[in-house]
Amino acid sequence: MLSRWPAGALLKLGAVTLFLLRIFAQCLPALRYRREVVQQIYNAGARSLIIVMLCGLFIGMVLGLQGYDLLQRFGSESSLGVVAALGLIKELGPVVTALLFAGRAGTSLTSEIGLMRATDQLTAMEMMAVDPVRRVVAPRFIGGIIAVPLLTAIFSCIGIFGAQLVGVGLMGVESGSFWSQMQGSVQLSDVNEGLIKSICFGVACSLMAVYEGFHAEPTAAGVGLATTRTVVSSAVLTLVIDYMLTAAFL
């Protein structure tokens, strides 16, 4: 079994890559379905706002507590804003948002497309000379790519507010030093790093969601397994890509 694992992983990687190229070829034609693309942005983005904002708030508050406890040991409590902003913008914001997107919107995409496969809707499209990748997959892929960076920006902003709420309101850090040091230390390159990460994570999570749904077994158990594979593969890809991008930026 172990000897077959590398070959199976390479075959899966090749299949996913070919499917990604197929989606890229249909992205521009799929923009004709503007209403469908906007609907997918709403489904993947707006409907994920509550969980993203809640998680961003409490992660920012925890970061404020832990950061204050650490910085207090070195007498640098006033740098809490810098620690919170850089941690959220460069790392926690893109990664946690991608994981939340995979768990909430990614599973929804997989189950939706998988159900269309199980009920032969995709096969009916092919029989009517309608490319299901263009009509079904590409709009959902585009919607995911657009939604993830927007959700990441909201997550980071809410997280910084949570850190300020704890640091300034609870721990007694001066509000002026919190914001002024943050503004002086956070650079445009840091924001660009978080933006690039969020776009890459959006591509990876959306790709795995539509791929697993499109290739799901046409049974209830097959759709359930595809949904599980979406969460696992999206989480692993997010962490692997995060390490590679972090090493590249450093």
Protein backbone atom coordinates (compact mmCIF):
# COMPACT_ATOMS: atom_id res chain seq x y z
CA MET A 1 0.00 0.00 0.00
CA LEU A 2 2.77 2.44 0.88
CA SER A 3 4.53 1.78 -2.43
CA ARG A 4 1.38 2.74 -4.34
CA TRP A 5 0.89 6.03 -2.48
CA PRO A 6 3.44 8.14 -4.43
CA ALA A 7 2.07 6.95 -7.76
CA GLY A 8 -1.49 7.70 -6.68
CA ALA A 9 -0.51 11.14 -5.42
CA LEU A 10 1.22 11.97 -8.72
CA LEU A 11 -1.80 10.79 -10.70
CA LYS A 12 -4.10 12.94 -8.55
CA LEU A 13 -1.78 15.95 -8.94
CA GLY A 14 -1.74 15.52 -12.70
CA ALA A 15 -5.52 15.19 -12.89
CA VAL A 16 -6.05 18.30 -10.75
CA THR A 17 -3.55 20.27 -12.86
CA LEU A 18 -5.24 19.30 -16.11
CA PHE A 19 -8.62 20.22 -14.63
CA LEU A 20 -7.24 23.59 -13.54
CA LEU A 21 -6.00 24.29 -17.09
CA ARG A 22 -9.42 23.32 -18.40
CA ILE A 23 -11.06 25.78 -16.01
CA PHE A 24 -8.66 28.57 -16.96
CA ALA A 25 -9.55 28.03 -20.62
CA GLN A 26 -13.23 28.55 -19.79
CA CYS A 27 -12.93 31.46 -17.35
CA LEU A 28 -13.26 34.24 -19.94
CA PRO A 29 -16.21 32.63 -21.75
CA ALA A 30 -17.84 32.01 -18.36
CA LEU A 31 -17.88 35.76 -17.66
CA ARG A 32 -20.87 35.94 -20.00
CA TYR A 33 -22.89 34.48 -17.15
CA ARG A 34 -22.53 37.60 -15.01
CA ARG A 35 -25.57 36.88 -12.89
CA GLU A 36 -24.25 33.41 -12.06
CA VAL A 37 -20.80 34.75 -11.14
CA VAL A 38 -22.31 37.44 -8.89
CA GLN A 39 -24.55 34.83 -7.27
CA GLN A 40 -21.54 32.62 -6.55
CA ILE A 41 -19.63 35.55 -5.04
CA TYR A 42 -22.64 36.14 -2.79
CA ASN A 43 -22.90 32.47 -1.84
CA ALA A 44 -19.19 32.04 -1.13
CA GLY A 45 -18.53 35.47 0.34
CA ALA A 46 -21.56 37.19 1.86
CA ARG A 47 -22.94 34.01 3.38
CA SER A 48 -19.60 33.35 5.05
CA LEU A 49 -19.35 36.82 6.61
CA ILE A 50 -20.80 35.94 10.01
CA ILE A 51 -18.44 33.07 10.77
CA VAL A 52 -15.46 34.98 9.35
CA MET A 53 -16.21 38.08 11.41
CA LEU A 54 -16.81 36.12 14.61
CA CYS A 55 -13.62 34.10 14.22
CA GLY A 56 -11.66 37.22 13.30
CA LEU A 57 -12.90 39.07 16.38
CA PHE A 58 -12.08 36.33 18.86
CA ILE A 59 -8.75 35.41 17.23
CA GLY A 60 -7.80 39.09 17.41
CA MET A 61 -8.80 39.21 21.07
CA VAL A 62 -6.76 36.10 21.85
CA LEU A 63 -3.84 37.56 19.92
CA GLY A 64 -4.16 40.71 22.00
CA LEU A 65 -4.03 38.74 25.25
CA GLN A 66 -1.14 36.52 24.22
CA GLY A 67 0.77 39.36 22.59
CA TYR A 68 0.42 41.57 25.64
CA ASP A 69 1.59 38.75 27.93
CA LEU A 70 4.65 38.17 25.74
CA LEU A 71 5.57 41.81 25.16
CA GLN A 72 5.13 42.68 28.84
CA ARG A 73 8.08 40.45 29.67
CA PHE A 74 10.30 42.71 27.56
CA GLY A 75 8.65 46.01 28.46
CA SER A 76 7.30 46.53 24.93
CA GLU A 77 3.56 46.58 25.52
CA SER A 78 3.20 49.58 23.19
CA SER A 79 4.20 47.36 20.24
CA LEU A 80 1.05 45.26 20.59
CA GLY A 81 -0.53 46.93 17.57
CA VAL A 82 2.45 46.01 15.38
CA VAL A 83 2.40 42.38 16.50
CA ALA A 84 -1.35 42.06 15.99
CA ALA A 85 -1.39 43.76 12.59
CA LEU A 86 1.56 41.86 11.13
CA GLY A 87 0.36 38.53 12.50
CA LEU A 88 -3.12 39.00 11.08
CA ILE A 89 -2.26 40.60 7.75
CA LYS A 90 0.62 38.32 6.80
CA GLU A 91 -0.32 34.99 8.35
CA LEU A 92 -3.43 34.42 10.44
CA GLY A 93 -5.83 36.34 8.21
CA PRO A 94 -5.15 34.51 4.92
CA VAL A 95 -4.68 31.05 6.47
CA VAL A 96 -7.66 31.01 8.85
CA THR A 97 -9.94 32.59 6.25
CA ALA A 98 -8.96 29.92 3.71
CA LEU A 99 -9.67 27.15 6.24
CA LEU A 100 -13.04 28.69 7.10
CA PHE A 101 -13.84 29.09 3.40
CA ALA A 102 -12.99 25.44 2.75
CA GLY A 103 -15.15 24.28 5.65
CA ARG A 104 -18.15 26.45 4.85
CA ALA A 105 -18.24 27.46 1.15
CA GLY A 106 -15.96 24.73 -0.25
CA THR A 107 -18.11 21.91 1.09
CA SER A 108 -21.20 23.67 -0.27
CA LEU A 109 -19.67 23.87 -3.76
CA THR A 110 -18.60 20.24 -3.69
CA SER A 111 -21.97 18.93 -2.53
CA GLU A 112 -23.83 21.11 -5.04
CA ILE A 113 -21.78 19.98 -8.04
CA GLY A 114 -21.65 16.41 -6.74
CA LEU A 115 -25.44 16.34 -6.51
CA MET A 116 -25.65 17.60 -10.07
CA ARG A 117 -23.39 14.71 -11.07
CA ALA A 118 -25.48 12.20 -9.11
CA THR A 119 -28.73 13.40 -10.72
CA ASP A 120 -27.19 13.38 -14.24
CA GLN A 121 -27.59 17.13 -14.72
CA LEU A 122 -23.97 17.45 -15.90
CA THR A 123 -24.45 14.57 -18.31
CA ALA A 124 -27.60 16.22 -19.67
CA MET A 125 -25.63 19.41 -20.31
CA GLU A 126 -23.03 17.49 -22.27
CA MET A 127 -25.75 15.83 -24.35
CA MET A 128 -27.14 19.29 -25.17
CA ALA A 129 -23.66 20.47 -26.26
CA VAL A 130 -23.30 22.72 -23.18
CA ASP A 131 -19.88 22.54 -21.54
CA PRO A 132 -20.52 21.94 -17.81
CA VAL A 133 -17.10 23.34 -16.95
CA ARG A 134 -18.01 26.65 -18.56
CA ARG A 135 -21.60 26.76 -17.31
CA VAL A 136 -21.26 25.29 -13.81
CA VAL A 137 -17.64 24.97 -12.68
CA ALA A 138 -15.98 28.17 -13.94
CA PRO A 139 -18.49 30.66 -12.39
CA ARG A 140 -18.12 28.96 -9.01
CA PHE A 141 -14.34 28.92 -9.34
CA ILE A 142 -14.28 32.63 -10.19
CA GLY A 143 -16.64 33.43 -7.32
CA GLY A 144 -14.37 31.65 -4.85
CA ILE A 145 -11.24 33.44 -6.08
CA ILE A 146 -12.92 36.83 -5.68
CA ALA A 147 -14.54 36.03 -2.32
CA VAL A 148 -11.48 34.77 -0.42
CA PRO A 149 -9.36 37.99 -0.62
CA LEU A 150 -12.39 40.07 0.37
CA LEU A 151 -13.12 37.80 3.34
CA THR A 152 -9.44 37.91 4.30
CA ALA A 153 -9.45 41.73 4.38
CA ILE A 154 -12.57 41.72 6.58
CA PHE A 155 -11.07 39.06 8.85
CA SER A 156 -7.86 41.06 9.33
CA CYS A 157 -9.70 44.33 10.03
CA ILE A 158 -12.02 42.72 12.57
CA GLY A 159 -9.05 40.90 14.13
CA ILE A 160 -7.12 44.15 14.58
CA PHE A 161 -10.20 45.70 16.17
CA GLY A 162 -10.42 42.72 18.55
CA ALA A 163 -6.76 43.09 19.50
CA GLN A 164 -7.29 46.81 20.11
CA LEU A 165 -10.40 46.07 22.15
CA VAL A 166 -8.43 43.84 24.52
CA GLY A 167 -5.09 45.65 24.46
CA VAL A 168 -6.40 49.18 24.90
CA GLY A 169 -9.69 48.58 26.67
CA LEU A 170 -8.67 45.75 28.98
CA MET A 171 -4.90 45.75 29.36
CA GLY A 172 -4.37 49.50 29.44
CA VAL A 173 -2.16 49.98 26.38
CA GLU A 174 -2.28 53.59 25.17
CA SER A 175 -4.49 53.95 22.12
CA GLY A 176 -2.15 56.47 20.47
CA SER A 177 0.91 54.22 20.65
CA PHE A 178 -1.14 51.19 19.55
CA TRP A 179 -2.21 52.82 16.28
CA SER A 180 0.83 55.02 15.61
CA GLN A 181 3.34 52.17 15.90
CA MET A 182 1.13 50.02 13.72
CA GLN A 183 0.97 52.69 11.02
CA GLY A 184 4.72 53.24 11.19
CA SER A 185 5.68 49.57 11.01
CA VAL A 186 3.19 47.95 8.64
CA GLN A 187 4.39 48.48 5.08
CA LEU A 188 2.78 48.02 1.69
CA SER A 189 4.88 44.90 1.10
CA ASP A 190 3.26 43.28 4.15
CA VAL A 191 -0.21 43.98 2.77
CA ASN A 192 0.83 42.67 -0.65
CA GLU A 193 2.11 39.46 0.94
CA GLY A 194 -1.22 38.85 2.62
CA LEU A 195 -3.08 39.69 -0.60
CA ILE A 196 -1.01 37.30 -2.71
CA LYS A 197 -1.46 34.55 -0.14
CA SER A 198 -5.21 35.03 -0.04
CA ILE A 199 -5.47 34.87 -3.83
CA CYS A 200 -3.38 31.67 -3.96
CA PHE A 201 -5.44 30.12 -1.17
CA GLY A 202 -8.63 31.11 -2.98
CA VAL A 203 -7.43 29.37 -6.14
CA ALA A 204 -6.40 26.23 -4.24
CA CYS A 205 -9.56 25.90 -2.12
CA SER A 206 -11.93 26.71 -4.98
CA LEU A 207 -10.10 24.30 -7.28
CA MET A 208 -10.30 21.40 -4.85
CA ALA A 209 -13.99 22.12 -4.15
CA VAL A 210 -15.07 22.10 -7.80
CA TYR A 211 -12.72 19.23 -8.72
CA GLU A 212 -13.98 16.90 -6.02
CA GLY A 213 -17.58 17.77 -6.79
CA PHE A 214 -17.16 17.34 -10.54
CA HIS A 215 -15.47 13.94 -10.13
CA ALA A 216 -17.60 12.65 -7.25
CA GLU A 217 -19.15 9.22 -7.46
CA PRO A 218 -22.83 9.60 -8.45
CA THR A 219 -24.11 8.26 -5.12
CA ALA A 220 -24.96 9.73 -1.74
CA ALA A 221 -21.87 8.11 -0.23
CA GLY A 222 -19.73 9.38 -3.10
CA VAL A 223 -20.86 12.97 -2.58
CA GLY A 224 -20.17 12.67 1.15
CA LEU A 225 -16.65 11.34 0.53
CA ALA A 226 -15.99 14.11 -2.00
CA THR A 227 -17.03 16.71 0.58
CA THR A 228 -14.66 15.20 3.13
CA ARG A 229 -11.81 15.13 0.63
CA THR A 230 -12.44 18.79 -0.16
CA VAL A 231 -11.89 19.89 3.43
CA VAL A 232 -8.82 17.70 3.95
CA SER A 233 -7.10 18.52 0.66
CA SER A 234 -7.89 22.25 0.93
CA ALA A 235 -6.45 22.43 4.45
CA VAL A 236 -3.28 20.57 3.48
CA LEU A 237 -2.79 22.63 0.30
CA THR A 238 -3.33 25.87 2.23
CA LEU A 239 -0.64 25.06 4.78
CA VAL A 240 1.83 23.78 2.16
CA ILE A 241 1.36 26.83 -0.05
CA ASP A 242 1.59 29.10 2.99
CA TYR A 243 4.99 27.68 3.89
CA MET A 244 6.25 27.99 0.30
CA LEU A 245 5.06 31.58 -0.07
CA THR A 246 6.40 32.61 3.34
CA ALA A 247 9.81 31.16 2.47
CA ALA A 248 9.72 32.93 -0.90
CA PHE A 249 8.87 36.33 0.64
CA LEU A 250 11.57 35.98 3.28
